[in-house]
């Protein structure tokens, strides 16, 4: 039986392991997502759920609190389950989302012991994300040493930011040690900017502001497919207010909390990452859907603050490029909240921007009104596809990974045979 070559994509977080399997469709030279899911609640009570290509649930599993602590065992369960779920597929590589590539990694890289050591050294730059991103790499290297692995970085898209966009006004010593603006959500920005160029070729070389709005939110200024500026900085805490993260904050606030309230690093980290943002302002929830359905004044204020800040940062991103030719909404809130899109766009009416209420309500590709000076788009992001394309391209060594997203459904790829786990 001929078996499909497929790529396993892993996105590991502090309490979850998201996974996807993307199959190479040789007839069309495309990638097709055939499976997706996650193991959630790791560390407490883990729950495994998998869905097929039509988003139907095909498997569920639960673990008790003790077994939920065993991350390597949970990954082993997934690897053992995959051949049963996809008997016609042969996984030839694993691609990993890695939050931080630092200054060293500006493109996807094959995982080796040396690379793992370098990525480990970057943990202080992303202590809440990096250790979890690396854990599955080590586990796979131990259990399936023959399986090629590729690390794909959220910072890579922003690696060539102009120095004025990446530099803090600090003394030189911290800069030498890596204190600079890195930016994140790069895999999303890469995918969306390429999809837009494929769908609207006339915009390929233009100035685009992309709004990646979700539980974690940021904006990017993209000119001719290259990053020019972004709202996140040294960490994924900067920029917009998010689900539980505060976004940009006067550093003097931190000094005040340390001196006057006696707060230490751990308390500040908990405050800024887990108790602020939409949750902190509303006192109700970090979920935009819950806030929009609530009649509580604090919930409305949280939504209003979020939209105000998004519109403000759109203007800032346009300023970084000397203008704007199109606006794009993506990610969970950006794709699914017509009210947020309408509010943000109404605040940008001074740019000559206007949206079509009907198109916005049904989430059309283009939601701008006929009279709008700028086109406005809603484009679903697909970081998993981007990771799979980079992974297969990196292994093949043909350098075509970045061009793969120009396909309507996914992207084309060419890959040499490699060892398989299933």
Foldseek 3Di string as FASTA:
>chain_A
DAAWEWEKEWEFFPFKIKIWIWTQDVVVLAIATAKIWMFGRQQAKTKTWMAGSVRHTDDIDIDHNVVSPDVLVVVVVVLVCVCVVRVRHFYQAYFFEAADPFLPDLFKDKDDPVSLVVLVVCCVLPVRGSVRRCVVVVSCCVPPVQHIYIYGYQQNLVNPAPCVQWADPDDVVVVVVRATFRGGNNLQLLLVLLQCCLVPVVCQQAWEWEWAADQQTKIFIAGNSGTHHIQGTSYSQAAAQGLQAAHDDDVVVVVCCCVVVVDDPVRVCCNHRHCHGLCVQLVPGSHLVVLVPDPDPSSVVSLLRRLVRVLVVVVVSQVSVVHHAEYEFEHDCSQPPLVSVQSNQVVVCVVQWAFASVCSVVQPQWGTDPRRNHTYGYDYTDSSLLRRLSTQCVQQVPPCSSNQSSDPNGGRGDHDGGHGSD
